[in-house]
Amino acid sequence: MLQPTSHPEVLDRLTPAKRPDERPIGYQRWRSLLFLHWQVSEEELRPLIPASLSLDLYDNAAYVGLVLFSMEGVRARWWPELLSSQFLETNVRTYVHYQGKPGIYFMSMDANHRPAVWAARRGWSLPYHHAKMEMNKDDQRIDYQLIRSGAGTSHQTRYQVGPALGPSEPNTLEHFLLERYFLFVEHRNRLCCAQVHHVPYPAHSVEVTQCQDDLLSSAGLENVSGHPQLAHFVPGVDVEIFSLRPESK
């Protein structure tokens, strides 16, 4: 079985899944998540990532992911459920680490909810864009479409959900790609980190029958295209969101 090779003696990939001993600042329910992945060259990816972050590699390979899903029950801790939001979201992300912490760096984020886009950009400096998005389901077949507002950048994926695989095993490529609980972002000229908590993803196999994408090239990945090399589906998890904090230098 392949092992992650980017400082495996330093990076603890299991502890991040433990719930922090503090109160969350918000709650979300992530539903119908499709994870698409491609290998990408370090030479192409490195200039697109803050210099303070190290690329996290698996078997000497870097990966970029495209995650399409539905958000439900999005609310701050002090908001009642009746005031929660729901919308579609699509993320372009890659895998990084900082001072022994493995996590995610978002290269772009799209949502079809303008207040959420505004709040995330202002409050956390996340690279959100507003987009028109649709998710249409027919039993286990799903059609997901996106057109970014004002830019014409688009994405369309059609796929069929397959059998359950269950949570991924530690040290596997699936665990490396899916089980990520820290996000890093440059906010107010400082590298910051936030943690989320949820149960391990109950993954399913998935057959992608169509994938037409402009999001990767729009994020600067001109040489990553074509059918995804890896695909996984997750019916859903309930998520706790914890505070964004500056990282120590």
Protein backbone atom coordinates (compact mmCIF):
# COMPACT_ATOMS: atom_id res chain seq x y z
CA MET A 1 0.00 0.00 0.00
CA LEU A 2 1.34 3.42 -0.95
CA GLN A 3 2.46 5.69 1.86
CA PRO A 4 2.49 9.51 2.02
CA THR A 5 6.07 10.67 1.52
CA SER A 6 5.96 14.35 2.49
CA HIS A 7 7.55 14.19 5.98
CA PRO A 8 5.45 11.24 7.20
CA GLU A 9 7.46 11.18 10.45
CA VAL A 10 6.25 14.71 11.23
CA LEU A 11 2.72 14.92 9.87
CA ASP A 12 0.07 13.51 12.18
CA ARG A 13 -2.86 12.60 9.91
CA LEU A 14 -5.11 11.12 12.61
CA THR A 15 -5.25 13.69 15.43
CA PRO A 16 -6.85 16.40 13.21
CA ALA A 17 -9.99 14.24 13.05
CA LYS A 18 -10.47 14.58 16.82
CA ARG A 19 -12.96 17.18 17.95
CA PRO A 20 -11.35 20.30 19.50
CA ASP A 21 -12.11 20.90 23.17
CA GLU A 22 -13.93 24.18 22.57
CA ARG A 23 -17.26 25.52 21.40
CA PRO A 24 -17.82 25.68 17.65
CA ILE A 25 -18.65 29.00 16.05
CA GLY A 26 -21.04 27.47 13.53
CA TYR A 27 -22.76 24.44 12.07
CA GLN A 28 -23.25 23.11 8.56
CA ARG A 29 -24.61 19.97 6.91
CA TRP A 30 -22.69 18.88 3.84
CA ARG A 31 -24.74 16.69 1.49
CA SER A 32 -24.18 14.83 -1.80
CA LEU A 33 -20.44 15.49 -1.97
CA LEU A 34 -18.59 14.53 -5.14
CA PHE A 35 -14.79 14.51 -4.85
CA LEU A 36 -12.87 14.60 -8.16
CA HIS A 37 -9.06 14.43 -8.18
CA TRP A 38 -6.20 14.86 -10.63
CA GLN A 39 -2.45 14.58 -10.21
CA VAL A 40 -0.67 17.86 -10.89
CA SER A 41 2.99 18.72 -11.27
CA GLU A 42 4.70 20.47 -8.38
CA GLU A 43 6.15 22.96 -10.85
CA GLU A 44 2.69 24.09 -11.94
CA LEU A 45 1.13 24.05 -8.47
CA ARG A 46 3.87 25.64 -6.36
CA PRO A 47 3.54 29.24 -7.68
CA LEU A 48 -0.20 29.18 -6.94
CA ILE A 49 0.24 28.43 -3.22
CA PRO A 50 1.44 30.85 -0.51
CA ALA A 51 5.16 30.51 0.10
CA SER A 52 4.55 29.85 3.81
CA LEU A 53 2.78 26.58 3.00
CA SER A 54 4.46 23.34 1.93
CA LEU A 55 2.88 21.08 -0.66
CA ASP A 56 1.61 17.85 0.87
CA LEU A 57 2.53 14.92 -1.38
CA TYR A 58 1.43 11.30 -1.58
CA ASP A 59 3.97 8.93 -3.05
CA ASN A 60 5.85 12.01 -4.34
CA ALA A 61 2.76 13.23 -6.22
CA ALA A 62 0.75 16.43 -5.73
CA TYR A 63 -3.03 16.43 -6.20
CA VAL A 64 -5.73 18.97 -6.89
CA GLY A 65 -9.34 18.31 -6.01
CA LEU A 66 -12.70 19.56 -7.22
CA VAL A 67 -15.50 19.14 -4.67
CA LEU A 68 -19.16 19.69 -5.59
CA PHE A 69 -21.83 19.54 -2.91
CA SER A 70 -24.88 20.97 -1.20
CA MET A 71 -24.74 22.99 2.03
CA GLU A 72 -27.68 22.86 4.42
CA GLY A 73 -28.30 24.27 7.89
CA VAL A 74 -25.50 26.82 7.53
CA ARG A 75 -25.63 29.00 10.62
CA ALA A 76 -23.62 30.60 13.36
CA ARG A 77 -23.83 28.94 16.77
CA TRP A 78 -26.05 31.70 18.12
CA TRP A 79 -28.48 31.65 15.15
CA PRO A 80 -31.63 29.53 15.32
CA GLU A 81 -32.04 26.75 12.80
CA LEU A 82 -34.92 28.68 11.24
CA LEU A 83 -32.43 31.34 10.11
CA SER A 84 -29.97 28.89 8.60
CA SER A 85 -29.06 28.96 4.90
CA GLN A 86 -28.79 26.34 2.20
CA PHE A 87 -26.97 26.57 -1.11
CA LEU A 88 -24.71 24.74 -3.54
CA GLU A 89 -20.94 25.03 -3.35
CA THR A 90 -17.98 24.00 -5.52
CA ASN A 91 -14.36 24.13 -4.38
CA VAL A 92 -11.00 23.81 -6.13
CA ARG A 93 -8.53 22.73 -3.49
CA THR A 94 -5.07 21.28 -2.99
CA TYR A 95 -3.17 19.67 -0.12
CA VAL A 96 -0.62 21.47 2.03
CA HIS A 97 0.98 21.39 5.45
CA TYR A 98 2.33 23.95 7.87
CA GLN A 99 4.46 23.21 10.93
CA GLY A 100 3.37 19.57 10.98
CA LYS A 101 -0.35 20.21 10.34
CA PRO A 102 -1.79 18.71 7.13
CA GLY A 103 -4.67 20.62 5.60
CA ILE A 104 -6.35 22.19 2.61
CA TYR A 105 -5.68 25.33 0.64
CA PHE A 106 -8.63 26.57 -1.43
CA MET A 107 -7.71 27.90 -4.86
CA SER A 108 -11.28 28.94 -5.66
CA MET A 109 -14.74 28.57 -4.18
CA ASP A 110 -18.14 29.09 -5.82
CA ALA A 111 -21.59 29.30 -4.23
CA ASN A 112 -25.05 30.32 -5.42
CA HIS A 113 -25.77 32.42 -2.30
CA ARG A 114 -24.59 36.03 -2.45
CA PRO A 115 -24.70 36.76 1.31
CA ALA A 116 -22.57 33.65 2.03
CA VAL A 117 -20.07 34.69 -0.65
CA TRP A 118 -19.83 38.21 0.79
CA ALA A 119 -19.49 37.00 4.39
CA ALA A 120 -16.81 34.40 3.63
CA ARG A 121 -14.74 36.82 1.56
CA ARG A 122 -14.98 39.58 4.15
CA GLY A 123 -14.75 37.52 7.33
CA TRP A 124 -12.20 34.87 6.31
CA SER A 125 -10.69 36.14 3.00
CA LEU A 126 -11.75 32.93 1.28
CA PRO A 127 -11.68 33.09 -2.56
CA TYR A 128 -15.45 32.84 -3.10
CA HIS A 129 -17.30 33.70 -6.31
CA HIS A 130 -21.01 33.87 -6.93
CA ALA A 131 -22.30 31.42 -9.52
CA LYS A 132 -25.52 30.06 -10.93
CA MET A 133 -25.62 26.40 -9.94
CA GLU A 134 -27.98 23.43 -10.21
CA MET A 135 -27.97 19.91 -8.84
CA ASN A 136 -30.54 17.58 -10.38
CA LYS A 137 -31.04 14.06 -9.02
CA ASP A 138 -32.69 11.05 -10.62
CA ASP A 139 -32.36 8.15 -8.20
CA GLN A 140 -28.57 7.58 -8.01
CA ARG A 141 -27.81 9.67 -11.12
CA ILE A 142 -26.84 13.29 -10.52
CA ASP A 143 -26.28 16.22 -12.89
CA TYR A 144 -24.36 19.19 -11.47
CA GLN A 145 -23.94 22.46 -13.39
CA LEU A 146 -22.24 25.79 -12.64
CA ILE A 147 -21.75 29.10 -14.46
CA ARG A 148 -19.75 31.75 -12.56
CA SER A 149 -21.43 35.15 -12.57
CA GLY A 150 -19.81 37.75 -14.78
CA ALA A 151 -17.05 35.43 -15.97
CA GLY A 152 -18.61 32.63 -17.96
CA THR A 153 -16.42 30.06 -16.20
CA SER A 154 -18.42 26.86 -16.13
CA HIS A 155 -18.50 23.28 -14.94
CA GLN A 156 -20.76 20.34 -15.69
CA THR A 157 -20.54 16.84 -14.26
CA ARG A 158 -22.84 13.87 -14.62
CA TYR A 159 -22.30 10.84 -12.45
CA GLN A 160 -23.89 7.77 -10.94
CA VAL A 161 -23.39 6.76 -7.33
CA GLY A 162 -22.06 3.26 -6.78
CA PRO A 163 -21.73 0.88 -3.82
CA ALA A 164 -20.68 1.99 -0.36
CA LEU A 165 -16.96 1.79 0.42
CA GLY A 166 -17.13 2.98 4.01
CA PRO A 167 -14.61 5.25 5.76
CA SER A 168 -11.14 5.22 4.22
CA GLU A 169 -8.28 3.43 5.95
CA PRO A 170 -5.32 5.44 7.32
CA ASN A 171 -2.25 5.57 5.04
CA THR A 172 -4.31 5.02 1.89
CA LEU A 173 -4.59 7.55 -0.91
CA GLU A 174 -8.33 7.87 -0.20
CA HIS A 175 -7.62 8.84 3.41
CA PHE A 176 -4.95 11.32 2.30
CA LEU A 177 -7.37 13.05 -0.08
CA LEU A 178 -10.65 12.89 1.84
CA GLU A 179 -9.88 13.13 5.54
CA ARG A 180 -8.82 16.77 5.88
CA TYR A 181 -9.87 18.88 8.86
CA PHE A 182 -7.66 22.01 8.72
CA LEU A 183 -7.94 24.82 6.19
CA PHE A 184 -5.29 27.46 5.66
CA VAL A 185 -5.93 30.94 4.28
CA GLU A 186 -4.06 34.24 4.12
CA HIS A 187 -6.27 36.65 6.06
CA ARG A 188 -5.34 40.24 6.86
CA ASN A 189 -1.75 39.61 5.76
CA ARG A 190 -1.32 36.63 8.10
CA LEU A 191 -1.50 32.90 7.55
CA CYS A 192 -4.51 31.63 9.46
CA CYS A 193 -5.96 28.20 10.14
CA ALA A 194 -9.40 26.88 11.06
CA GLN A 195 -10.57 23.39 11.95
CA VAL A 196 -13.77 21.54 11.15
CA HIS A 197 -15.08 18.37 12.74
CA HIS A 198 -17.28 15.60 11.38
CA VAL A 199 -17.40 11.82 11.36
CA PRO A 200 -15.11 10.10 8.82
CA TYR A 201 -16.56 10.35 5.34
CA PRO A 202 -18.75 7.31 4.50
CA ALA A 203 -17.50 7.13 0.92
CA HIS A 204 -19.11 5.45 -2.09
CA SER A 205 -17.68 4.55 -5.44
CA VAL A 206 -18.96 6.68 -8.30
CA GLU A 207 -18.96 6.52 -12.09
CA VAL A 208 -18.38 9.91 -13.74
CA THR A 209 -20.01 9.84 -17.17
CA GLN A 210 -19.32 13.45 -18.15
CA CYS A 211 -16.96 16.14 -16.87
CA GLN A 212 -16.52 19.49 -18.63
CA ASP A 213 -14.59 21.97 -16.52
CA ASP A 214 -13.19 25.52 -16.68
CA LEU A 215 -12.65 25.94 -12.94
CA LEU A 216 -9.21 24.32 -12.83
CA SER A 217 -7.79 26.47 -15.62
CA SER A 218 -9.43 29.55 -14.10
CA ALA A 219 -7.56 28.77 -10.86
CA GLY A 220 -4.27 28.75 -12.79
CA LEU A 221 -4.00 25.02 -13.52
CA GLU A 222 -3.72 25.21 -17.29
CA ASN A 223 -2.28 21.71 -17.69
CA VAL A 224 -4.85 19.83 -15.62
CA SER A 225 -7.86 18.72 -17.63
CA GLY A 226 -9.79 15.77 -18.90
CA HIS A 227 -11.59 13.02 -17.03
CA PRO A 228 -10.80 12.91 -13.29
CA GLN A 229 -8.31 10.26 -12.26
CA LEU A 230 -10.12 9.54 -8.99
CA ALA A 231 -13.75 10.05 -7.91
CA HIS A 232 -15.59 9.45 -4.64
CA PHE A 233 -19.10 10.25 -3.43
CA VAL A 234 -20.26 10.91 0.13
CA PRO A 235 -24.00 11.09 0.99
CA GLY A 236 -23.36 13.61 3.75
CA VAL A 237 -21.90 14.58 7.11
CA ASP A 238 -22.89 17.06 9.82
CA VAL A 239 -20.12 19.56 10.48
CA GLU A 240 -18.97 21.81 13.32
CA ILE A 241 -16.91 24.88 12.37
CA PHE A 242 -14.26 26.28 14.73
CA SER A 243 -12.61 29.70 14.90
CA LEU A 244 -10.14 31.04 12.37
CA ARG A 245 -6.85 31.84 14.14
CA PRO A 246 -3.47 33.21 13.07
CA GLU A 247 -0.67 30.68 12.90
CA SER A 248 2.45 31.38 14.93
CA LYS A 249 5.49 32.29 12.84
